[in-house]
Amino acid sequence: MDFKLVLGKLINGFEENSVDYALIGGLALGLLGVPRATTDIDILVHKEDLDKIDKTMHALGYKKRFSSENVSQYTSAVRSMGDVDFLHAFREASIKMLERAQQQGVFGDTLQVRLVRAEDLIGLKIQAIKNNPSRTHQDLADIEALIARQGQTLDWQELQTYFELFDMKELFDSLRSRDS
């Protein structure tokens, strides 16, 4: 996948259609200072923008591979365009993630993208572990790397809220004691 090409096209389409979005997943990890190999782009979008997303993706030559209440996945037959997955924000917590997303320059500041904050990416990782325990090894490694990289800038009260929401207070206490 040509990330620079695809992100440029996506961001242009999102701006033209007033789509509320923020990068998540492996690409967001890298932008937050934790390099991770990834083969797709993961994006948080407001559920009210799904029709605009569909319009944008089809205009770029993508086909919808899967869609549910929570996610939609698009794929392109053109290898350089790859796959793009969308997580739908409709609960209060995920809508607030979109509201808190920050602008960041990528590719030598040639493109500005919106990115979830480290705390919110950790919250999404916690949710992923809760929903699919087989992901624990990779997602916990990502969380630990984000904590190590972001360190004292993290809002630990906010993180505690995420861990408690998914009944993982013991894991929070363990991670917090290591960072202190």
C-alpha atoms as a PDB file:
ATOM      1  CA  MET A   1       0.000   0.000   0.000  1.00  0.00           C
ATOM      2  CA  ASP A   2       1.202   3.491  -0.827  1.00  0.00           C
ATOM      3  CA  PHE A   3       0.262   5.210   2.446  1.00  0.00           C
ATOM      4  CA  LYS A   4       1.149   8.704   1.256  1.00  0.00           C
ATOM      5  CA  LEU A   5      -0.956   8.364  -1.894  1.00  0.00           C
ATOM      6  CA  VAL A   6      -3.937   6.796  -0.139  1.00  0.00           C
ATOM      7  CA  LEU A   7      -3.931   9.166   2.844  1.00  0.00           C
ATOM      8  CA  GLY A   8      -3.734  12.155   0.516  1.00  0.00           C
ATOM      9  CA  LYS A   9      -6.723  10.948  -1.488  1.00  0.00           C
ATOM     10  CA  LEU A  10      -8.709  10.026   1.624  1.00  0.00           C
ATOM     11  CA  ILE A  11      -8.068  13.330   3.388  1.00  0.00           C
ATOM     12  CA  ASN A  12      -9.026  15.299   0.264  1.00  0.00           C
ATOM     13  CA  GLY A  13     -12.247  13.294  -0.012  1.00  0.00           C
ATOM     14  CA  PHE A  14     -13.013  13.702   3.682  1.00  0.00           C
ATOM     15  CA  GLU A  15     -12.456  17.453   3.526  1.00  0.00           C
ATOM     16  CA  GLU A  16     -14.615  17.807   0.397  1.00  0.00           C
ATOM     17  CA  ASN A  17     -17.425  15.890   2.104  1.00  0.00           C
ATOM     18  CA  SER A  18     -16.977  17.323   5.645  1.00  0.00           C
ATOM     19  CA  VAL A  19     -16.225  13.914   7.180  1.00  0.00           C
ATOM     20  CA  ASP A  20     -15.302  13.842  10.875  1.00  0.00           C
ATOM     21  CA  TYR A  21     -12.410  11.360  11.173  1.00  0.00           C
ATOM     22  CA  ALA A  22      -9.269  10.426  13.111  1.00  0.00           C
ATOM     23  CA  LEU A  23      -6.536   7.905  12.344  1.00  0.00           C
ATOM     24  CA  ILE A  24      -6.313   4.890  14.650  1.00  0.00           C
ATOM     25  CA  GLY A  25      -4.552   1.510  14.456  1.00  0.00           C
ATOM     26  CA  GLY A  26      -0.996   0.766  13.393  1.00  0.00           C
ATOM     27  CA  LEU A  27      -0.538   3.962  11.416  1.00  0.00           C
ATOM     28  CA  ALA A  28      -1.628   6.051  14.426  1.00  0.00           C
ATOM     29  CA  LEU A  29       0.795   4.098  16.612  1.00  0.00           C
ATOM     30  CA  GLY A  30       3.637   5.029  14.291  1.00  0.00           C
ATOM     31  CA  LEU A  31       2.642   8.694  14.290  1.00  0.00           C
ATOM     32  CA  LEU A  32       2.617   8.601  18.101  1.00  0.00           C
ATOM     33  CA  GLY A  33       6.199   7.326  18.109  1.00  0.00           C
ATOM     34  CA  VAL A  34       5.666   3.559  18.240  1.00  0.00           C
ATOM     35  CA  PRO A  35       6.680   2.048  14.886  1.00  0.00           C
ATOM     36  CA  ARG A  36       4.551  -0.937  13.921  1.00  0.00           C
ATOM     37  CA  ALA A  37       4.255  -2.775  10.641  1.00  0.00           C
ATOM     38  CA  THR A  38       0.801  -2.387   9.164  1.00  0.00           C
ATOM     39  CA  THR A  39      -0.748  -3.224   5.826  1.00  0.00           C
ATOM     40  CA  ASP A  40      -3.929  -1.153   6.026  1.00  0.00           C
ATOM     41  CA  ILE A  41      -5.303   2.157   7.269  1.00  0.00           C
ATOM     42  CA  ASP A  42      -7.695   2.239  10.225  1.00  0.00           C
ATOM     43  CA  ILE A  43      -9.894   5.284  10.734  1.00  0.00           C
ATOM     44  CA  LEU A  44     -12.447   6.313  13.354  1.00  0.00           C
ATOM     45  CA  VAL A  45     -15.425   8.080  11.749  1.00  0.00           C
ATOM     46  CA  HIS A  46     -18.686   9.480  13.051  1.00  0.00           C
ATOM     47  CA  LYS A  47     -21.540   7.113  12.261  1.00  0.00           C
ATOM     48  CA  GLU A  48     -23.514  10.033  10.795  1.00  0.00           C
ATOM     49  CA  ASP A  49     -20.828  10.307   8.081  1.00  0.00           C
ATOM     50  CA  LEU A  50     -21.111   6.733   6.780  1.00  0.00           C
ATOM     51  CA  ASP A  51     -22.919   7.734   3.574  1.00  0.00           C
ATOM     52  CA  LYS A  52     -20.202  10.326   2.901  1.00  0.00           C
ATOM     53  CA  ILE A  53     -17.547   7.679   3.574  1.00  0.00           C
ATOM     54  CA  ASP A  54     -19.204   5.301   1.136  1.00  0.00           C
ATOM     55  CA  LYS A  55     -19.366   8.040  -1.509  1.00  0.00           C
ATOM     56  CA  THR A  56     -15.707   8.949  -0.977  1.00  0.00           C
ATOM     57  CA  MET A  57     -14.502   5.358  -1.028  1.00  0.00           C
ATOM     58  CA  HIS A  58     -16.425   4.424  -4.166  1.00  0.00           C
ATOM     59  CA  ALA A  59     -15.158   7.580  -5.921  1.00  0.00           C
ATOM     60  CA  LEU A  60     -11.621   6.356  -5.132  1.00  0.00           C
ATOM     61  CA  GLY A  61     -12.352   2.924  -6.613  1.00  0.00           C
ATOM     62  CA  TYR A  62     -12.838   0.985  -3.371  1.00  0.00           C
ATOM     63  CA  LYS A  63     -15.471  -1.687  -2.883  1.00  0.00           C
ATOM     64  CA  LYS A  64     -17.168  -2.329   0.443  1.00  0.00           C
ATOM     65  CA  ARG A  65     -16.098  -5.770   1.629  1.00  0.00           C
ATOM     66  CA  PHE A  66     -17.932  -5.819   4.964  1.00  0.00           C
ATOM     67  CA  SER A  67     -20.183  -3.593   7.023  1.00  0.00           C
ATOM     68  CA  SER A  68     -21.824  -3.870  10.435  1.00  0.00           C
ATOM     69  CA  GLU A  69     -23.078  -1.486  13.095  1.00  0.00           C
ATOM     70  CA  ASN A  70     -19.521  -1.076  14.391  1.00  0.00           C
ATOM     71  CA  VAL A  71     -17.189  -1.308  11.390  1.00  0.00           C
ATOM     72  CA  SER A  72     -16.949  -1.114   7.630  1.00  0.00           C
ATOM     73  CA  GLN A  73     -14.119  -2.421   5.487  1.00  0.00           C
ATOM     74  CA  TYR A  74     -13.143  -1.343   1.996  1.00  0.00           C
ATOM     75  CA  THR A  75     -10.715  -2.936  -0.419  1.00  0.00           C
ATOM     76  CA  SER A  76      -9.231  -1.894  -3.727  1.00  0.00           C
ATOM     77  CA  ALA A  77      -8.231  -4.082  -6.641  1.00  0.00           C
ATOM     78  CA  VAL A  78      -5.310  -1.683  -7.118  1.00  0.00           C
ATOM     79  CA  ARG A  79      -2.515  -2.960  -4.899  1.00  0.00           C
ATOM     80  CA  SER A  80      -1.121   0.500  -4.082  1.00  0.00           C
ATOM     81  CA  MET A  81      -4.537   1.536  -2.704  1.00  0.00           C
ATOM     82  CA  GLY A  82      -4.811  -1.410  -0.280  1.00  0.00           C
ATOM     83  CA  ASP A  83      -7.472  -1.827   2.392  1.00  0.00           C
ATOM     84  CA  VAL A  84      -9.106   0.800   4.589  1.00  0.00           C
ATOM     85  CA  ASP A  85     -11.084  -0.099   7.716  1.00  0.00           C
ATOM     86  CA  PHE A  86     -13.478   2.257   9.495  1.00  0.00           C
ATOM     87  CA  LEU A  87     -14.573   2.066  13.120  1.00  0.00           C
ATOM     88  CA  HIS A  88     -17.947   3.776  13.556  1.00  0.00           C
ATOM     89  CA  ALA A  89     -18.209   6.294  16.391  1.00  0.00           C
ATOM     90  CA  PHE A  90     -21.701   6.409  17.869  1.00  0.00           C
ATOM     91  CA  ARG A  91     -21.188   5.884  21.588  1.00  0.00           C
ATOM     92  CA  GLU A  92     -20.278   8.833  23.786  1.00  0.00           C
ATOM     93  CA  ALA A  93     -16.694   7.645  24.391  1.00  0.00           C
ATOM     94  CA  SER A  94     -15.836   7.247  20.701  1.00  0.00           C
ATOM     95  CA  ILE A  95     -17.521  10.517  19.730  1.00  0.00           C
ATOM     96  CA  LYS A  96     -15.395  12.272  22.365  1.00  0.00           C
ATOM     97  CA  MET A  97     -12.308  10.632  20.819  1.00  0.00           C
ATOM     98  CA  LEU A  98     -13.176  12.332  17.538  1.00  0.00           C
ATOM     99  CA  GLU A  99     -13.682  15.652  19.314  1.00  0.00           C
ATOM    100  CA  ARG A 100     -10.263  15.373  20.991  1.00  0.00           C
ATOM    101  CA  ALA A 101      -8.404  14.269  17.846  1.00  0.00           C
ATOM    102  CA  GLN A 102      -5.400  16.413  17.021  1.00  0.00           C
ATOM    103  CA  GLN A 103      -4.010  17.669  13.738  1.00  0.00           C
ATOM    104  CA  GLN A 104      -0.561  16.361  12.850  1.00  0.00           C
ATOM    105  CA  GLY A 105       1.729  16.757   9.874  1.00  0.00           C
ATOM    106  CA  VAL A 106       2.933  13.618   8.099  1.00  0.00           C
ATOM    107  CA  PHE A 107       5.333  12.882   5.255  1.00  0.00           C
ATOM    108  CA  GLY A 108       7.512  15.878   6.076  1.00  0.00           C
ATOM    109  CA  ASP A 109       4.457  18.011   6.865  1.00  0.00           C
ATOM    110  CA  THR A 110       3.241  17.711   3.269  1.00  0.00           C
ATOM    111  CA  LEU A 111      -0.106  16.423   4.565  1.00  0.00           C
ATOM    112  CA  GLN A 112      -2.114  17.258   7.683  1.00  0.00           C
ATOM    113  CA  VAL A 113      -4.124  14.422   9.248  1.00  0.00           C
ATOM    114  CA  ARG A 114      -6.318  14.084  12.309  1.00  0.00           C
ATOM    115  CA  LEU A 115      -5.066  11.575  14.858  1.00  0.00           C
ATOM    116  CA  VAL A 116      -6.554  10.214  18.086  1.00  0.00           C
ATOM    117  CA  ARG A 117      -4.650  11.033  21.253  1.00  0.00           C
ATOM    118  CA  ALA A 118      -2.455   8.354  22.837  1.00  0.00           C
ATOM    119  CA  GLU A 119      -4.940   7.869  25.700  1.00  0.00           C
ATOM    120  CA  ASP A 120      -7.759   7.216  23.248  1.00  0.00           C
ATOM    121  CA  LEU A 121      -5.686   4.789  21.194  1.00  0.00           C
ATOM    122  CA  ILE A 122      -4.916   2.916  24.414  1.00  0.00           C
ATOM    123  CA  GLY A 123      -8.659   2.910  25.164  1.00  0.00           C
ATOM    124  CA  LEU A 124      -9.333   1.344  21.760  1.00  0.00           C
ATOM    125  CA  LYS A 125      -6.623  -1.261  22.399  1.00  0.00           C
ATOM    126  CA  ILE A 126      -8.222  -2.129  25.756  1.00  0.00           C
ATOM    127  CA  GLN A 127     -11.585  -2.541  24.046  1.00  0.00           C
ATOM    128  CA  ALA A 128      -9.979  -4.768  21.391  1.00  0.00           C
ATOM    129  CA  ILE A 129      -8.480  -6.997  24.096  1.00  0.00           C
ATOM    130  CA  LYS A 130     -11.847  -7.237  25.862  1.00  0.00           C
ATOM    131  CA  ASN A 131     -13.678  -8.077  22.624  1.00  0.00           C
ATOM    132  CA  ASN A 132     -11.055 -10.537  21.356  1.00  0.00           C
ATOM    133  CA  PRO A 133      -8.668 -11.912  24.010  1.00  0.00           C
ATOM    134  CA  SER A 134      -6.537 -13.569  21.311  1.00  0.00           C
ATOM    135  CA  ARG A 135      -5.310 -10.035  20.492  1.00  0.00           C
ATOM    136  CA  THR A 136      -3.942  -9.521  24.014  1.00  0.00           C
ATOM    137  CA  HIS A 137      -0.279 -10.179  23.215  1.00  0.00           C
ATOM    138  CA  GLN A 138       0.025  -7.629  20.374  1.00  0.00           C
ATOM    139  CA  ASP A 139      -2.341  -5.017  21.810  1.00  0.00           C
ATOM    140  CA  LEU A 140      -0.760  -5.144  25.266  1.00  0.00           C
ATOM    141  CA  ALA A 141       2.682  -4.742  23.668  1.00  0.00           C
ATOM    142  CA  ASP A 142       1.333  -1.694  21.799  1.00  0.00           C
ATOM    143  CA  ILE A 143      -0.088  -0.249  25.037  1.00  0.00           C
ATOM    144  CA  GLU A 144       3.184  -0.771  26.893  1.00  0.00           C
ATOM    145  CA  ALA A 145       5.148   0.838  24.042  1.00  0.00           C
ATOM    146  CA  LEU A 146       2.795   3.834  23.970  1.00  0.00           C
ATOM    147  CA  ILE A 147       3.139   4.259  27.728  1.00  0.00           C
ATOM    148  CA  ALA A 148       6.931   4.056  27.460  1.00  0.00           C
ATOM    149  CA  ARG A 149       6.977   6.573  24.597  1.00  0.00           C
ATOM    150  CA  GLN A 150       4.379   9.031  25.913  1.00  0.00           C
ATOM    151  CA  GLY A 151       5.337   8.635  29.587  1.00  0.00           C
ATOM    152  CA  GLN A 152       4.566  11.606  31.780  1.00  0.00           C
ATOM    153  CA  THR A 153       2.358  13.315  29.196  1.00  0.00           C
ATOM    154  CA  LEU A 154      -0.390  10.699  29.563  1.00  0.00           C
ATOM    155  CA  ASP A 155      -3.579  11.489  31.443  1.00  0.00           C
ATOM    156  CA  TRP A 156      -3.629   8.515  33.811  1.00  0.00           C
ATOM    157  CA  GLN A 157      -7.078   9.384  35.184  1.00  0.00           C
ATOM    158  CA  GLU A 158      -8.499   9.123  31.695  1.00  0.00           C
ATOM    159  CA  LEU A 159      -6.660   5.842  31.140  1.00  0.00           C
ATOM    160  CA  GLN A 160      -8.049   4.484  34.401  1.00  0.00           C
ATOM    161  CA  THR A 161     -11.563   5.255  33.160  1.00  0.00           C
ATOM    162  CA  TYR A 162     -10.966   3.151  30.036  1.00  0.00           C
ATOM    163  CA  PHE A 163      -9.496   0.224  31.985  1.00  0.00           C
ATOM    164  CA  GLU A 164     -12.372   0.295  34.488  1.00  0.00           C
ATOM    165  CA  LEU A 165     -14.950   0.535  31.697  1.00  0.00           C
ATOM    166  CA  PHE A 166     -13.692  -2.799  30.378  1.00  0.00           C
ATOM    167  CA  ASP A 167     -13.208  -4.361  33.833  1.00  0.00           C
ATOM    168  CA  MET A 168      -9.396  -4.350  33.636  1.00  0.00           C
ATOM    169  CA  LYS A 169      -8.471  -2.390  36.757  1.00  0.00           C
ATOM    170  CA  GLU A 170      -5.775  -4.906  37.762  1.00  0.00           C
ATOM    171  CA  LEU A 171      -4.030  -4.451  34.417  1.00  0.00           C
ATOM    172  CA  PHE A 172      -4.214  -0.679  34.862  1.00  0.00           C
ATOM    173  CA  ASP A 173      -2.694  -0.915  38.343  1.00  0.00           C
ATOM    174  CA  SER A 174       0.114  -3.106  37.023  1.00  0.00           C
ATOM    175  CA  LEU A 175       0.920  -0.736  34.143  1.00  0.00           C
ATOM    176  CA  ARG A 176       0.658   2.331  36.359  1.00  0.00           C
ATOM    177  CA  SER A 177       3.025   0.910  38.974  1.00  0.00           C
ATOM    178  CA  ARG A 178       5.626   0.205  36.260  1.00  0.00           C
ATOM    179  CA  ASP A 179       5.454   3.788  34.974  1.00  0.00           C
ATOM    180  CA  SER A 180       5.744   5.428  38.410  1.00  0.00           C
END
